[in-house]
Amino acid sequence: MYPFIRLAKDIFVNARATPLDMGETHVSHHICWPWDLDLWWELNNGRTLTIYDLGRIPLAMRGGLTKALRDNKWGLTVAGSSVRYRRRVRMFAKIEMKSRLACWDDKFLYVEQSMWLSNGECSSHALFRTAVTDKNGIVSPERVLTAMGLNVASPEMPDWIKAWSDAEAKRPWPPMQD
């Protein structure tokens, strides 16, 4: 089940948080609860993606994106993701999550997130390609920024994000069926 109580808490806590400028990092804190575990008594990889939601939503709030979404009746969707898992997260472990908008192109916003254990080790690192949508499909980031009252260029796309984006463009869609 989706962690609606956690989400409500994060929305409540961040409703009064200082606004973030484009590219600034939102830091949030989470705990790995027993219901987040898989059969090997560590944070389930699917739940990891859900917990990453709990960092992106306040990031969007603090950056002013959620207001633009509401005002224009737009949606926000994940159009792709890549996650690197490196350290196990055990029950009751405290996690510090860092979330930031890394860059954008003509269609997508690229959000970089990481989870850090209390000993300073990074447990996972994720890149999410997100899109703002309306009834006609994808809304360009340029139009979104205008709705947010911003006139800024994207930071230069890091080589590793560009390489991932280029690889995704070569991936066949729809996938082949056997």
C-alpha atoms as a PDB file:
ATOM      1  CA  MET A   1       0.000   0.000   0.000  1.00  0.00           C
ATOM      2  CA  TYR A   2       1.178   3.509  -0.766  1.00  0.00           C
ATOM      3  CA  PRO A   3       2.499   5.321   2.335  1.00  0.00           C
ATOM      4  CA  PHE A   4      -0.216   8.002   2.447  1.00  0.00           C
ATOM      5  CA  ILE A   5       0.419   8.824   6.110  1.00  0.00           C
ATOM      6  CA  ARG A   6       4.112   9.437   5.416  1.00  0.00           C
ATOM      7  CA  LEU A   7       3.188  11.543   2.408  1.00  0.00           C
ATOM      8  CA  ALA A   8       0.709  13.609   4.451  1.00  0.00           C
ATOM      9  CA  LYS A   9       3.383  14.172   7.102  1.00  0.00           C
ATOM     10  CA  ASP A  10       5.935  15.281   4.508  1.00  0.00           C
ATOM     11  CA  ILE A  11       3.430  17.621   2.843  1.00  0.00           C
ATOM     12  CA  PHE A  12       2.503  19.114   6.218  1.00  0.00           C
ATOM     13  CA  VAL A  13       6.138  19.562   7.294  1.00  0.00           C
ATOM     14  CA  ASN A  14       7.215  21.060   3.977  1.00  0.00           C
ATOM     15  CA  ALA A  15       4.206  23.324   3.459  1.00  0.00           C
ATOM     16  CA  ARG A  16       6.002  25.888   5.642  1.00  0.00           C
ATOM     17  CA  ALA A  17       9.549  25.119   4.482  1.00  0.00           C
ATOM     18  CA  THR A  18      11.701  27.750   2.826  1.00  0.00           C
ATOM     19  CA  PRO A  19      11.174  27.827  -0.953  1.00  0.00           C
ATOM     20  CA  LEU A  20      13.964  26.348  -3.056  1.00  0.00           C
ATOM     21  CA  ASP A  21      15.582  27.958  -6.052  1.00  0.00           C
ATOM     22  CA  MET A  22      15.958  25.915  -9.222  1.00  0.00           C
ATOM     23  CA  GLY A  23      18.652  23.273  -8.695  1.00  0.00           C
ATOM     24  CA  GLU A  24      18.790  23.541  -4.889  1.00  0.00           C
ATOM     25  CA  THR A  25      18.653  20.316  -2.901  1.00  0.00           C
ATOM     26  CA  HIS A  26      15.700  19.232  -0.776  1.00  0.00           C
ATOM     27  CA  VAL A  27      16.811  17.094   2.183  1.00  0.00           C
ATOM     28  CA  SER A  28      14.343  14.768   3.880  1.00  0.00           C
ATOM     29  CA  HIS A  29      14.610  12.101   6.561  1.00  0.00           C
ATOM     30  CA  HIS A  30      12.955   8.702   6.582  1.00  0.00           C
ATOM     31  CA  ILE A  31      12.976   5.436   8.524  1.00  0.00           C
ATOM     32  CA  CYS A  32      12.900   1.920   7.104  1.00  0.00           C
ATOM     33  CA  TRP A  33       9.870   0.404   8.820  1.00  0.00           C
ATOM     34  CA  PRO A  34       9.097  -3.350   9.077  1.00  0.00           C
ATOM     35  CA  TRP A  35       6.466  -3.074   6.310  1.00  0.00           C
ATOM     36  CA  ASP A  36       9.155  -1.683   3.957  1.00  0.00           C
ATOM     37  CA  LEU A  37      11.167  -4.924   4.080  1.00  0.00           C
ATOM     38  CA  ASP A  38      11.475  -7.743   1.601  1.00  0.00           C
ATOM     39  CA  LEU A  39      12.088 -11.445   2.312  1.00  0.00           C
ATOM     40  CA  TRP A  40      15.768 -10.728   3.050  1.00  0.00           C
ATOM     41  CA  TRP A  41      14.954  -8.230   5.809  1.00  0.00           C
ATOM     42  CA  GLU A  42      16.131  -5.179   3.899  1.00  0.00           C
ATOM     43  CA  LEU A  43      14.408  -2.252   2.204  1.00  0.00           C
ATOM     44  CA  ASN A  44      12.457  -3.632  -0.749  1.00  0.00           C
ATOM     45  CA  ASN A  45      13.581  -2.226  -4.092  1.00  0.00           C
ATOM     46  CA  GLY A  46      10.013  -1.314  -5.057  1.00  0.00           C
ATOM     47  CA  ARG A  47       9.481   0.467  -1.740  1.00  0.00           C
ATOM     48  CA  THR A  48      12.741   2.341  -2.378  1.00  0.00           C
ATOM     49  CA  LEU A  49      11.134   3.855  -5.482  1.00  0.00           C
ATOM     50  CA  THR A  50       8.071   4.788  -3.449  1.00  0.00           C
ATOM     51  CA  ILE A  51      10.193   6.438  -0.766  1.00  0.00           C
ATOM     52  CA  TYR A  52      11.938   8.402  -3.513  1.00  0.00           C
ATOM     53  CA  ASP A  53       8.444   9.792  -4.302  1.00  0.00           C
ATOM     54  CA  LEU A  54       8.459  11.201  -0.770  1.00  0.00           C
ATOM     55  CA  GLY A  55      11.477  13.305  -1.735  1.00  0.00           C
ATOM     56  CA  ARG A  56      10.271  14.440  -5.160  1.00  0.00           C
ATOM     57  CA  ILE A  57       6.862  15.668  -4.018  1.00  0.00           C
ATOM     58  CA  PRO A  58       8.206  18.114  -1.382  1.00  0.00           C
ATOM     59  CA  LEU A  59      10.907  19.152  -3.871  1.00  0.00           C
ATOM     60  CA  ALA A  60       8.158  20.072  -6.334  1.00  0.00           C
ATOM     61  CA  MET A  61       6.247  21.900  -3.578  1.00  0.00           C
ATOM     62  CA  ARG A  62       9.229  23.907  -2.387  1.00  0.00           C
ATOM     63  CA  GLY A  63      10.292  24.743  -5.943  1.00  0.00           C
ATOM     64  CA  GLY A  64       6.856  26.079  -6.886  1.00  0.00           C
ATOM     65  CA  LEU A  65       5.998  23.323  -9.356  1.00  0.00           C
ATOM     66  CA  THR A  66       2.919  21.985  -7.534  1.00  0.00           C
ATOM     67  CA  LYS A  67       1.262  25.420  -7.641  1.00  0.00           C
ATOM     68  CA  ALA A  68       1.800  25.582 -11.425  1.00  0.00           C
ATOM     69  CA  LEU A  69       0.410  22.055 -11.739  1.00  0.00           C
ATOM     70  CA  ARG A  70      -2.733  22.984  -9.789  1.00  0.00           C
ATOM     71  CA  ASP A  71      -3.216  26.330 -11.559  1.00  0.00           C
ATOM     72  CA  ASN A  72      -2.993  24.742 -15.012  1.00  0.00           C
ATOM     73  CA  LYS A  73      -4.630  21.393 -14.220  1.00  0.00           C
ATOM     74  CA  TRP A  74      -1.461  19.591 -15.240  1.00  0.00           C
ATOM     75  CA  GLY A  75      -0.203  16.236 -14.073  1.00  0.00           C
ATOM     76  CA  LEU A  76       3.287  14.997 -13.263  1.00  0.00           C
ATOM     77  CA  THR A  77       4.522  11.588 -14.286  1.00  0.00           C
ATOM     78  CA  VAL A  78       7.685   9.529 -14.169  1.00  0.00           C
ATOM     79  CA  ALA A  79       8.757   8.743 -17.741  1.00  0.00           C
ATOM     80  CA  GLY A  80      11.803   6.662 -16.819  1.00  0.00           C
ATOM     81  CA  SER A  81      14.144   5.825 -13.998  1.00  0.00           C
ATOM     82  CA  SER A  82      17.539   4.359 -13.319  1.00  0.00           C
ATOM     83  CA  VAL A  83      18.536   3.284  -9.828  1.00  0.00           C
ATOM     84  CA  ARG A  84      21.901   2.107  -8.556  1.00  0.00           C
ATOM     85  CA  TYR A  85      21.680   0.132  -5.293  1.00  0.00           C
ATOM     86  CA  ARG A  86      24.907  -0.167  -3.291  1.00  0.00           C
ATOM     87  CA  ARG A  87      24.194  -0.664   0.436  1.00  0.00           C
ATOM     88  CA  ARG A  88      21.505  -2.595   2.261  1.00  0.00           C
ATOM     89  CA  VAL A  89      19.000  -0.614   4.274  1.00  0.00           C
ATOM     90  CA  ARG A  90      17.925  -2.631   7.300  1.00  0.00           C
ATOM     91  CA  MET A  91      14.863  -2.347   9.525  1.00  0.00           C
ATOM     92  CA  PHE A  92      14.699   0.894  11.548  1.00  0.00           C
ATOM     93  CA  ALA A  93      17.636   2.388   9.640  1.00  0.00           C
ATOM     94  CA  LYS A  94      17.474   6.165   9.381  1.00  0.00           C
ATOM     95  CA  ILE A  95      17.842   7.502   5.859  1.00  0.00           C
ATOM     96  CA  GLU A  96      18.700  10.987   4.702  1.00  0.00           C
ATOM     97  CA  MET A  97      17.431  11.606   1.179  1.00  0.00           C
ATOM     98  CA  LYS A  98      18.730  14.322  -1.108  1.00  0.00           C
ATOM     99  CA  SER A  99      16.586  15.390  -4.068  1.00  0.00           C
ATOM    100  CA  ARG A 100      17.291  17.994  -6.723  1.00  0.00           C
ATOM    101  CA  LEU A 101      16.294  18.977 -10.213  1.00  0.00           C
ATOM    102  CA  ALA A 102      19.503  18.329 -12.162  1.00  0.00           C
ATOM    103  CA  CYS A 103      18.496  19.680 -15.583  1.00  0.00           C
ATOM    104  CA  TRP A 104      15.884  19.525 -18.315  1.00  0.00           C
ATOM    105  CA  ASP A 105      15.584  19.234 -22.066  1.00  0.00           C
ATOM    106  CA  ASP A 106      12.760  20.030 -24.497  1.00  0.00           C
ATOM    107  CA  LYS A 107      10.439  17.377 -22.965  1.00  0.00           C
ATOM    108  CA  PHE A 108      11.659  16.117 -19.624  1.00  0.00           C
ATOM    109  CA  LEU A 109      12.823  17.218 -16.187  1.00  0.00           C
ATOM    110  CA  TYR A 110      15.662  15.108 -14.769  1.00  0.00           C
ATOM    111  CA  VAL A 111      15.586  14.661 -10.998  1.00  0.00           C
ATOM    112  CA  GLU A 112      18.582  13.225  -9.175  1.00  0.00           C
ATOM    113  CA  GLN A 113      18.048  11.593  -5.785  1.00  0.00           C
ATOM    114  CA  SER A 114      20.171   9.683  -3.298  1.00  0.00           C
ATOM    115  CA  MET A 115      19.650   7.904   0.017  1.00  0.00           C
ATOM    116  CA  TRP A 116      22.325   8.102   2.707  1.00  0.00           C
ATOM    117  CA  LEU A 117      22.718   5.916   5.777  1.00  0.00           C
ATOM    118  CA  SER A 118      23.585   7.324   9.204  1.00  0.00           C
ATOM    119  CA  ASN A 119      27.186   6.125   8.794  1.00  0.00           C
ATOM    120  CA  GLY A 120      27.582   8.415   5.765  1.00  0.00           C
ATOM    121  CA  GLU A 121      27.386   5.707   3.112  1.00  0.00           C
ATOM    122  CA  CYS A 122      25.198   6.167   0.054  1.00  0.00           C
ATOM    123  CA  SER A 123      22.753   3.253  -0.131  1.00  0.00           C
ATOM    124  CA  SER A 124      21.233   4.136  -3.511  1.00  0.00           C
ATOM    125  CA  HIS A 125      21.302   6.782  -6.211  1.00  0.00           C
ATOM    126  CA  ALA A 126      18.477   7.391  -8.673  1.00  0.00           C
ATOM    127  CA  LEU A 127      17.778   9.414 -11.773  1.00  0.00           C
ATOM    128  CA  PHE A 128      14.166  10.061 -12.694  1.00  0.00           C
ATOM    129  CA  ARG A 129      13.030  11.446 -16.024  1.00  0.00           C
ATOM    130  CA  THR A 130       9.756  13.196 -15.283  1.00  0.00           C
ATOM    131  CA  ALA A 131       7.232  14.957 -17.466  1.00  0.00           C
ATOM    132  CA  VAL A 132       4.489  17.474 -16.873  1.00  0.00           C
ATOM    133  CA  THR A 133       1.366  16.468 -18.791  1.00  0.00           C
ATOM    134  CA  ASP A 134      -1.970  17.857 -19.852  1.00  0.00           C
ATOM    135  CA  LYS A 135      -4.826  16.427 -21.925  1.00  0.00           C
ATOM    136  CA  ASN A 136      -2.694  16.800 -25.073  1.00  0.00           C
ATOM    137  CA  GLY A 137       0.397  15.007 -23.739  1.00  0.00           C
ATOM    138  CA  ILE A 138       3.720  16.384 -22.548  1.00  0.00           C
ATOM    139  CA  VAL A 139       3.957  20.053 -21.572  1.00  0.00           C
ATOM    140  CA  SER A 140       7.353  21.497 -22.455  1.00  0.00           C
ATOM    141  CA  PRO A 141       9.589  22.465 -19.538  1.00  0.00           C
ATOM    142  CA  GLU A 142       9.833  25.948 -21.088  1.00  0.00           C
ATOM    143  CA  ARG A 143       6.060  26.357 -20.755  1.00  0.00           C
ATOM    144  CA  VAL A 144       6.158  24.957 -17.212  1.00  0.00           C
ATOM    145  CA  LEU A 145       8.883  27.405 -16.168  1.00  0.00           C
ATOM    146  CA  THR A 146       6.911  30.293 -17.650  1.00  0.00           C
ATOM    147  CA  ALA A 147       3.885  29.205 -15.602  1.00  0.00           C
ATOM    148  CA  MET A 148       6.146  29.200 -12.533  1.00  0.00           C
ATOM    149  CA  GLY A 149       7.224  32.764 -13.312  1.00  0.00           C
ATOM    150  CA  LEU A 150      10.771  31.691 -14.130  1.00  0.00           C
ATOM    151  CA  ASN A 151      12.969  32.518 -17.075  1.00  0.00           C
ATOM    152  CA  VAL A 152      16.051  30.344 -16.578  1.00  0.00           C
ATOM    153  CA  ALA A 153      18.037  28.049 -18.811  1.00  0.00           C
ATOM    154  CA  SER A 154      18.689  24.471 -17.843  1.00  0.00           C
ATOM    155  CA  PRO A 155      22.016  23.767 -16.220  1.00  0.00           C
ATOM    156  CA  GLU A 156      24.259  21.898 -18.636  1.00  0.00           C
ATOM    157  CA  MET A 157      23.179  18.277 -18.783  1.00  0.00           C
ATOM    158  CA  PRO A 158      25.895  16.116 -17.174  1.00  0.00           C
ATOM    159  CA  ASP A 159      27.455  13.571 -19.542  1.00  0.00           C
ATOM    160  CA  TRP A 160      26.114  10.612 -17.554  1.00  0.00           C
ATOM    161  CA  ILE A 161      22.529  11.912 -17.754  1.00  0.00           C
ATOM    162  CA  LYS A 162      22.889  12.626 -21.484  1.00  0.00           C
ATOM    163  CA  ALA A 163      24.304   9.129 -22.077  1.00  0.00           C
ATOM    164  CA  TRP A 164      21.365   7.564 -20.210  1.00  0.00           C
ATOM    165  CA  SER A 165      18.841   9.719 -22.086  1.00  0.00           C
ATOM    166  CA  ASP A 166      20.464   8.833 -25.426  1.00  0.00           C
ATOM    167  CA  ALA A 167      20.394   5.133 -24.538  1.00  0.00           C
ATOM    168  CA  GLU A 168      16.701   5.380 -23.614  1.00  0.00           C
ATOM    169  CA  ALA A 169      15.975   6.982 -27.010  1.00  0.00           C
ATOM    170  CA  LYS A 170      17.465   3.899 -28.719  1.00  0.00           C
ATOM    171  CA  ARG A 171      15.436   1.449 -26.651  1.00  0.00           C
ATOM    172  CA  PRO A 172      12.616  -0.042 -28.760  1.00  0.00           C
ATOM    173  CA  TRP A 173       9.038   0.873 -27.903  1.00  0.00           C
ATOM    174  CA  PRO A 174       6.817  -0.985 -27.709  1.00  0.00           C
ATOM    175  CA  PRO A 175       9.042  -3.840 -26.547  1.00  0.00           C
ATOM    176  CA  MET A 176       9.274  -6.952 -28.666  1.00  0.00           C
ATOM    177  CA  GLN A 177       6.878  -9.740 -27.835  1.00  0.00           C
ATOM    178  CA  ASP A 178       7.988 -13.378 -27.965  1.00  0.00           C
END
